[in-house]
Amino acid sequence: MRDLADRVVALRPGERVAVAVDGVDGAGKTVLADQLAEVLAGERDVLRVSIDGFHRPRAERVARGRGPETFYADSYDYDAFRGAVVEPFRRGEPLRPAVNDVVADRPVHPEPVAVGLETVLLADGIFLQRPELRDVWDATIWVEVPFAVSVPRGNARFIGEHDPDPDGESNHRYVGGQRLYLAEADPRGHATWVVDNTDLDSPVLHAARRRRP
């Protein structure tokens, strides 16, 4: 984590930078981003947000069906994310860290959060390197975990029994949607850094071999 933090600190010293912590469900993105924010806090102002605060209302998420395609295409309001977070952040103006509570399925109106001259915006979530967001980030961290590990890990957050098989019927919408993302966006190939988080006790940091644009 110290190594990763040093690399983030070195990004455009004296300027605001936006960093994405991307990965599939259950990869450990939120915990990693929170830990990274703690390490960075002594050297840069850090502002944490999650794309989960920009879920569309449930009725919109399933309006066109409950398959993988709609999970990938309709889960998040990227225009709202740009308008509430990205654009004010780039201008150095206070931003709104969320617009929707996905659990309560209702709009939220949190107090605006101030942005400093050297703030690191650290955002976690799925699908963060899809085409309409790729220009948002100054750097991206891909949290690498195979579905055989991420699916049971992610499902453990929910009450009741859940199929640990990535190809199980109950996981079809979510794993299928994330496979569409991997095929379309190649997030690992475009990432600045890759963290293999398969073993939570022994994560491994790699400098990604980035594709040519």
C-alpha atoms as a PDB file:
ATOM      1  CA  MET A   1       0.000   0.000   0.000  1.00  0.00           C
ATOM      2  CA  ARG A   2       2.920   2.340   0.736  1.00  0.00           C
ATOM      3  CA  ASP A   3       4.357   1.639  -2.723  1.00  0.00           C
ATOM      4  CA  LEU A   4       1.017   2.357  -4.374  1.00  0.00           C
ATOM      5  CA  ALA A   5       0.542   5.525  -2.335  1.00  0.00           C
ATOM      6  CA  ASP A   6       3.988   6.798  -3.377  1.00  0.00           C
ATOM      7  CA  ARG A   7       3.012   6.341  -7.022  1.00  0.00           C
ATOM      8  CA  VAL A   8      -0.230   8.258  -6.532  1.00  0.00           C
ATOM      9  CA  VAL A   9       1.535  11.081  -4.686  1.00  0.00           C
ATOM     10  CA  ALA A  10       3.942  11.425  -7.621  1.00  0.00           C
ATOM     11  CA  LEU A  11       1.068  12.126 -10.028  1.00  0.00           C
ATOM     12  CA  ARG A  12       1.081  15.797 -11.090  1.00  0.00           C
ATOM     13  CA  PRO A  13       2.435  17.325  -7.862  1.00  0.00           C
ATOM     14  CA  GLY A  14       0.675  20.546  -6.907  1.00  0.00           C
ATOM     15  CA  GLU A  15      -2.437  19.715  -8.943  1.00  0.00           C
ATOM     16  CA  ARG A  16      -5.706  17.898  -8.421  1.00  0.00           C
ATOM     17  CA  VAL A  17      -5.731  14.287  -9.621  1.00  0.00           C
ATOM     18  CA  ALA A  18      -8.536  11.768 -10.081  1.00  0.00           C
ATOM     19  CA  VAL A  19      -7.752   8.091  -9.504  1.00  0.00           C
ATOM     20  CA  ALA A  20     -10.121   5.172 -10.117  1.00  0.00           C
ATOM     21  CA  VAL A  21     -10.068   1.932  -8.123  1.00  0.00           C
ATOM     22  CA  ASP A  22     -11.745  -0.416 -10.581  1.00  0.00           C
ATOM     23  CA  GLY A  23     -12.531  -4.124 -10.487  1.00  0.00           C
ATOM     24  CA  VAL A  24     -15.303  -6.699 -10.450  1.00  0.00           C
ATOM     25  CA  ASP A  25     -17.785  -7.100  -7.603  1.00  0.00           C
ATOM     26  CA  GLY A  26     -16.105  -8.672  -4.606  1.00  0.00           C
ATOM     27  CA  ALA A  27     -12.572  -7.769  -5.653  1.00  0.00           C
ATOM     28  CA  GLY A  28     -11.987  -5.667  -2.532  1.00  0.00           C
ATOM     29  CA  LYS A  29     -12.063  -2.255  -4.195  1.00  0.00           C
ATOM     30  CA  THR A  30     -13.684  -0.310  -1.376  1.00  0.00           C
ATOM     31  CA  VAL A  31     -11.413  -1.666   1.337  1.00  0.00           C
ATOM     32  CA  LEU A  32      -8.336  -1.080  -0.814  1.00  0.00           C
ATOM     33  CA  ALA A  33      -9.426   2.475  -1.632  1.00  0.00           C
ATOM     34  CA  ASP A  34     -10.132   3.224   2.036  1.00  0.00           C
ATOM     35  CA  GLN A  35      -6.732   1.855   3.080  1.00  0.00           C
ATOM     36  CA  LEU A  36      -4.997   3.787   0.325  1.00  0.00           C
ATOM     37  CA  ALA A  37      -6.776   6.977   1.428  1.00  0.00           C
ATOM     38  CA  GLU A  38      -5.470   6.476   4.968  1.00  0.00           C
ATOM     39  CA  VAL A  39      -1.889   6.123   3.734  1.00  0.00           C
ATOM     40  CA  LEU A  40      -2.211   9.128   1.438  1.00  0.00           C
ATOM     41  CA  ALA A  41      -3.810  11.348   4.068  1.00  0.00           C
ATOM     42  CA  GLY A  42      -0.498  12.419   5.561  1.00  0.00           C
ATOM     43  CA  GLU A  43       0.780  13.717   2.222  1.00  0.00           C
ATOM     44  CA  ARG A  44      -2.170  14.815   0.098  1.00  0.00           C
ATOM     45  CA  ASP A  45      -5.734  15.901   0.746  1.00  0.00           C
ATOM     46  CA  VAL A  46      -7.912  12.919  -0.194  1.00  0.00           C
ATOM     47  CA  LEU A  47     -11.570  12.885  -1.194  1.00  0.00           C
ATOM     48  CA  ARG A  48     -13.280   9.466  -1.310  1.00  0.00           C
ATOM     49  CA  VAL A  49     -16.313   8.781  -3.489  1.00  0.00           C
ATOM     50  CA  SER A  50     -17.972   5.664  -4.880  1.00  0.00           C
ATOM     51  CA  ILE A  51     -19.828   5.146  -8.117  1.00  0.00           C
ATOM     52  CA  ASP A  52     -22.405   3.315  -5.991  1.00  0.00           C
ATOM     53  CA  GLY A  53     -23.754   6.725  -4.999  1.00  0.00           C
ATOM     54  CA  PHE A  54     -24.770   7.166  -8.641  1.00  0.00           C
ATOM     55  CA  HIS A  55     -26.955   4.117  -9.187  1.00  0.00           C
ATOM     56  CA  ARG A  56     -30.007   4.798 -11.280  1.00  0.00           C
ATOM     57  CA  PRO A  57     -33.361   4.204  -9.552  1.00  0.00           C
ATOM     58  CA  ARG A  58     -34.226   0.517  -9.466  1.00  0.00           C
ATOM     59  CA  ALA A  59     -37.123   0.933 -11.907  1.00  0.00           C
ATOM     60  CA  GLU A  60     -34.710   2.351 -14.485  1.00  0.00           C
ATOM     61  CA  ARG A  61     -32.099  -0.341 -13.873  1.00  0.00           C
ATOM     62  CA  VAL A  62     -34.497  -3.133 -14.770  1.00  0.00           C
ATOM     63  CA  ALA A  63     -36.808  -1.316 -17.203  1.00  0.00           C
ATOM     64  CA  ARG A  64     -35.245  -3.067 -20.221  1.00  0.00           C
ATOM     65  CA  GLY A  65     -34.906  -6.448 -18.556  1.00  0.00           C
ATOM     66  CA  ARG A  66     -32.809  -8.244 -15.954  1.00  0.00           C
ATOM     67  CA  GLY A  67     -30.065  -9.711 -18.114  1.00  0.00           C
ATOM     68  CA  PRO A  68     -26.328  -8.986 -18.221  1.00  0.00           C
ATOM     69  CA  GLU A  69     -26.743  -6.342 -20.917  1.00  0.00           C
ATOM     70  CA  THR A  70     -28.919  -4.086 -18.781  1.00  0.00           C
ATOM     71  CA  PHE A  71     -26.723  -4.581 -15.710  1.00  0.00           C
ATOM     72  CA  TYR A  72     -23.794  -3.258 -17.722  1.00  0.00           C
ATOM     73  CA  ALA A  73     -25.665  -0.562 -19.629  1.00  0.00           C
ATOM     74  CA  ASP A  74     -28.256   0.730 -17.164  1.00  0.00           C
ATOM     75  CA  SER A  75     -26.890   0.438 -13.618  1.00  0.00           C
ATOM     76  CA  TYR A  76     -25.306   3.892 -13.245  1.00  0.00           C
ATOM     77  CA  ASP A  77     -26.014   7.482 -14.205  1.00  0.00           C
ATOM     78  CA  TYR A  78     -22.694   8.605 -15.645  1.00  0.00           C
ATOM     79  CA  ASP A  79     -24.003  12.024 -16.659  1.00  0.00           C
ATOM     80  CA  ALA A  80     -24.929  12.649 -13.023  1.00  0.00           C
ATOM     81  CA  PHE A  81     -21.491  11.455 -11.904  1.00  0.00           C
ATOM     82  CA  ARG A  82     -19.796  13.844 -14.285  1.00  0.00           C
ATOM     83  CA  GLY A  83     -22.053  16.739 -13.313  1.00  0.00           C
ATOM     84  CA  ALA A  84     -21.908  16.196  -9.564  1.00  0.00           C
ATOM     85  CA  VAL A  85     -18.321  14.989  -9.151  1.00  0.00           C
ATOM     86  CA  VAL A  86     -16.001  15.223 -12.139  1.00  0.00           C
ATOM     87  CA  GLU A  87     -16.765  18.676 -13.496  1.00  0.00           C
ATOM     88  CA  PRO A  88     -16.763  20.559 -10.160  1.00  0.00           C
ATOM     89  CA  PHE A  89     -13.654  18.647  -9.083  1.00  0.00           C
ATOM     90  CA  ARG A  90     -11.770  19.791 -12.167  1.00  0.00           C
ATOM     91  CA  ARG A  91     -12.872  23.368 -11.524  1.00  0.00           C
ATOM     92  CA  GLY A  92     -11.849  23.160  -7.861  1.00  0.00           C
ATOM     93  CA  GLU A  93     -15.427  23.677  -6.703  1.00  0.00           C
ATOM     94  CA  PRO A  94     -17.356  21.749  -4.019  1.00  0.00           C
ATOM     95  CA  LEU A  95     -18.782  18.485  -5.319  1.00  0.00           C
ATOM     96  CA  ARG A  96     -21.720  16.258  -4.409  1.00  0.00           C
ATOM     97  CA  PRO A  97     -20.483  12.747  -3.541  1.00  0.00           C
ATOM     98  CA  ALA A  98     -23.802  10.958  -4.243  1.00  0.00           C
ATOM     99  CA  VAL A  99     -27.220  11.453  -5.777  1.00  0.00           C
ATOM    100  CA  ASN A 100     -28.965   8.168  -4.932  1.00  0.00           C
ATOM    101  CA  ASP A 101     -29.181   5.694  -2.049  1.00  0.00           C
ATOM    102  CA  VAL A 102     -29.250   2.311  -3.808  1.00  0.00           C
ATOM    103  CA  VAL A 103     -30.438   0.408  -0.716  1.00  0.00           C
ATOM    104  CA  ALA A 104     -33.322   2.760   0.082  1.00  0.00           C
ATOM    105  CA  ASP A 105     -33.856   3.416  -3.644  1.00  0.00           C
ATOM    106  CA  ARG A 106     -34.335   7.142  -3.193  1.00  0.00           C
ATOM    107  CA  PRO A 107     -32.518  10.364  -4.097  1.00  0.00           C
ATOM    108  CA  VAL A 108     -30.094  11.835  -1.573  1.00  0.00           C
ATOM    109  CA  HIS A 109     -28.782  15.364  -1.161  1.00  0.00           C
ATOM    110  CA  PRO A 110     -25.527  15.272   0.819  1.00  0.00           C
ATOM    111  CA  GLU A 111     -23.726  18.456   1.735  1.00  0.00           C
ATOM    112  CA  PRO A 112     -21.198  19.571  -0.909  1.00  0.00           C
ATOM    113  CA  VAL A 113     -17.602  18.611  -0.165  1.00  0.00           C
ATOM    114  CA  ALA A 114     -14.804  21.137  -0.650  1.00  0.00           C
ATOM    115  CA  VAL A 115     -11.962  20.473  -3.090  1.00  0.00           C
ATOM    116  CA  GLY A 116      -8.399  21.674  -2.484  1.00  0.00           C
ATOM    117  CA  LEU A 117      -5.591  22.661  -4.830  1.00  0.00           C
ATOM    118  CA  GLU A 118      -3.859  19.265  -4.520  1.00  0.00           C
ATOM    119  CA  THR A 119      -6.803  17.005  -3.706  1.00  0.00           C
ATOM    120  CA  VAL A 120      -6.658  13.365  -4.774  1.00  0.00           C
ATOM    121  CA  LEU A 121     -10.118  12.201  -5.811  1.00  0.00           C
ATOM    122  CA  LEU A 122     -10.157   8.470  -5.065  1.00  0.00           C
ATOM    123  CA  ALA A 123     -13.199   6.755  -6.567  1.00  0.00           C
ATOM    124  CA  ASP A 124     -14.060   3.078  -6.307  1.00  0.00           C
ATOM    125  CA  GLY A 125     -16.576   0.951  -8.158  1.00  0.00           C
ATOM    126  CA  ILE A 126     -17.274  -1.329 -11.068  1.00  0.00           C
ATOM    127  CA  PHE A 127     -17.183  -0.299 -14.737  1.00  0.00           C
ATOM    128  CA  LEU A 128     -14.995   2.747 -14.055  1.00  0.00           C
ATOM    129  CA  GLN A 129     -13.002   2.394 -17.271  1.00  0.00           C
ATOM    130  CA  ARG A 130     -15.889   2.025 -19.654  1.00  0.00           C
ATOM    131  CA  PRO A 131     -15.610   4.291 -22.706  1.00  0.00           C
ATOM    132  CA  GLU A 132     -17.688   7.179 -21.325  1.00  0.00           C
ATOM    133  CA  LEU A 133     -15.478   7.434 -18.212  1.00  0.00           C
ATOM    134  CA  ARG A 134     -12.021   6.703 -19.567  1.00  0.00           C
ATOM    135  CA  ASP A 135     -11.102  10.374 -19.993  1.00  0.00           C
ATOM    136  CA  VAL A 136     -12.060  11.160 -16.390  1.00  0.00           C
ATOM    137  CA  TRP A 137      -9.028   9.590 -14.704  1.00  0.00           C
ATOM    138  CA  ASP A 138      -5.438  10.656 -14.320  1.00  0.00           C
ATOM    139  CA  ALA A 139      -4.602   7.092 -13.244  1.00  0.00           C
ATOM    140  CA  THR A 140      -6.478   3.833 -12.724  1.00  0.00           C
ATOM    141  CA  ILE A 141      -5.947   0.892 -10.403  1.00  0.00           C
ATOM    142  CA  TRP A 142      -7.337  -2.440 -11.576  1.00  0.00           C
ATOM    143  CA  VAL A 143      -8.041  -4.794  -8.659  1.00  0.00           C
ATOM    144  CA  GLU A 144      -7.463  -8.239 -10.137  1.00  0.00           C
ATOM    145  CA  VAL A 145      -9.445 -11.184  -8.711  1.00  0.00           C
ATOM    146  CA  PRO A 146     -10.819 -14.216 -10.591  1.00  0.00           C
ATOM    147  CA  PHE A 147     -14.582 -14.698 -10.555  1.00  0.00           C
ATOM    148  CA  ALA A 148     -14.145 -17.989  -8.704  1.00  0.00           C
ATOM    149  CA  VAL A 149     -12.877 -15.916  -5.769  1.00  0.00           C
ATOM    150  CA  SER A 150     -14.759 -12.632  -6.209  1.00  0.00           C
ATOM    151  CA  VAL A 151     -18.265 -14.106  -6.506  1.00  0.00           C
ATOM    152  CA  PRO A 152     -18.349 -15.990  -3.174  1.00  0.00           C
ATOM    153  CA  ARG A 153     -16.458 -13.120  -1.533  1.00  0.00           C
ATOM    154  CA  GLY A 154     -18.927 -10.557  -2.820  1.00  0.00           C
ATOM    155  CA  ASN A 155     -21.986 -12.675  -2.020  1.00  0.00           C
ATOM    156  CA  ALA A 156     -20.799 -13.093   1.562  1.00  0.00           C
ATOM    157  CA  ARG A 157     -21.815  -9.472   2.142  1.00  0.00           C
ATOM    158  CA  PHE A 158     -25.488 -10.391   1.772  1.00  0.00           C
ATOM    159  CA  ILE A 159     -27.805 -12.201   4.163  1.00  0.00           C
ATOM    160  CA  GLY A 160     -28.759 -15.796   3.335  1.00  0.00           C
ATOM    161  CA  GLU A 161     -27.243 -18.455   1.126  1.00  0.00           C
ATOM    162  CA  HIS A 162     -25.880 -17.552  -2.291  1.00  0.00           C
ATOM    163  CA  ASP A 163     -24.519 -19.694  -5.101  1.00  0.00           C
ATOM    164  CA  PRO A 164     -20.701 -19.406  -5.119  1.00  0.00           C
ATOM    165  CA  ASP A 165     -20.532 -20.621  -8.735  1.00  0.00           C
ATOM    166  CA  PRO A 166     -19.856 -17.678 -11.112  1.00  0.00           C
ATOM    167  CA  ASP A 167     -21.854 -19.501 -13.783  1.00  0.00           C
ATOM    168  CA  GLY A 168     -24.797 -20.175 -11.484  1.00  0.00           C
ATOM    169  CA  GLU A 169     -28.186 -18.852 -12.583  1.00  0.00           C
ATOM    170  CA  SER A 170     -28.456 -16.367  -9.700  1.00  0.00           C
ATOM    171  CA  ASN A 171     -25.128 -14.800 -10.723  1.00  0.00           C
ATOM    172  CA  HIS A 172     -25.867 -14.639 -14.444  1.00  0.00           C
ATOM    173  CA  ARG A 173     -26.935 -10.975 -14.567  1.00  0.00           C
ATOM    174  CA  TYR A 174     -24.010  -9.671 -12.540  1.00  0.00           C
ATOM    175  CA  VAL A 175     -21.134 -11.855 -13.709  1.00  0.00           C
ATOM    176  CA  GLY A 176     -22.405 -11.709 -17.282  1.00  0.00           C
ATOM    177  CA  GLY A 177     -22.549  -7.915 -17.184  1.00  0.00           C
ATOM    178  CA  GLN A 178     -19.024  -7.723 -15.859  1.00  0.00           C
ATOM    179  CA  ARG A 179     -17.809 -10.096 -18.547  1.00  0.00           C
ATOM    180  CA  LEU A 180     -19.312  -7.736 -21.117  1.00  0.00           C
ATOM    181  CA  TYR A 181     -17.307  -4.938 -19.514  1.00  0.00           C
ATOM    182  CA  LEU A 182     -14.071  -6.941 -19.605  1.00  0.00           C
ATOM    183  CA  ALA A 183     -14.614  -7.713 -23.290  1.00  0.00           C
ATOM    184  CA  GLU A 184     -15.532  -4.156 -24.312  1.00  0.00           C
ATOM    185  CA  ALA A 185     -13.230  -2.042 -22.159  1.00  0.00           C
ATOM    186  CA  ASP A 186     -10.203  -4.277 -21.386  1.00  0.00           C
ATOM    187  CA  PRO A 187      -9.824  -2.534 -18.006  1.00  0.00           C
ATOM    188  CA  ARG A 188      -6.749  -4.505 -17.004  1.00  0.00           C
ATOM    189  CA  GLY A 189      -4.996  -3.596 -20.225  1.00  0.00           C
ATOM    190  CA  HIS A 190      -5.774   0.102 -19.818  1.00  0.00           C
ATOM    191  CA  ALA A 191      -4.976   0.355 -16.097  1.00  0.00           C
ATOM    192  CA  THR A 192      -2.023   2.323 -14.770  1.00  0.00           C
ATOM    193  CA  TRP A 193      -1.427  -0.232 -12.009  1.00  0.00           C
ATOM    194  CA  VAL A 194      -2.774  -3.688 -11.261  1.00  0.00           C
ATOM    195  CA  VAL A 195      -3.233  -5.036  -7.732  1.00  0.00           C
ATOM    196  CA  ASP A 196      -3.670  -8.813  -7.558  1.00  0.00           C
ATOM    197  CA  ASN A 197      -6.023  -9.035  -4.596  1.00  0.00           C
ATOM    198  CA  THR A 198      -6.811 -12.743  -4.812  1.00  0.00           C
ATOM    199  CA  ASP A 199      -5.201 -13.286  -1.410  1.00  0.00           C
ATOM    200  CA  LEU A 200      -6.411 -10.467   0.826  1.00  0.00           C
ATOM    201  CA  ASP A 201      -3.499 -11.019   3.182  1.00  0.00           C
ATOM    202  CA  SER A 202      -0.879 -10.802   0.417  1.00  0.00           C
ATOM    203  CA  PRO A 203      -1.890  -8.388  -2.361  1.00  0.00           C
ATOM    204  CA  VAL A 204       0.654  -7.898  -5.146  1.00  0.00           C
ATOM    205  CA  LEU A 205       1.199  -4.611  -6.999  1.00  0.00           C
ATOM    206  CA  HIS A 206       2.120  -4.681 -10.688  1.00  0.00           C
ATOM    207  CA  ALA A 207       2.796  -1.903 -13.152  1.00  0.00           C
ATOM    208  CA  ALA A 208       0.354  -2.718 -15.936  1.00  0.00           C
ATOM    209  CA  ARG A 209       1.453  -3.210 -19.513  1.00  0.00           C
ATOM    210  CA  ARG A 210      -0.818  -0.592 -21.022  1.00  0.00           C
ATOM    211  CA  ARG A 211      -2.259  -0.948 -24.501  1.00  0.00           C
ATOM    212  CA  ARG A 212      -1.623   1.657 -27.138  1.00  0.00           C
ATOM    213  CA  PRO A 213      -4.654   3.952 -27.554  1.00  0.00           C
END
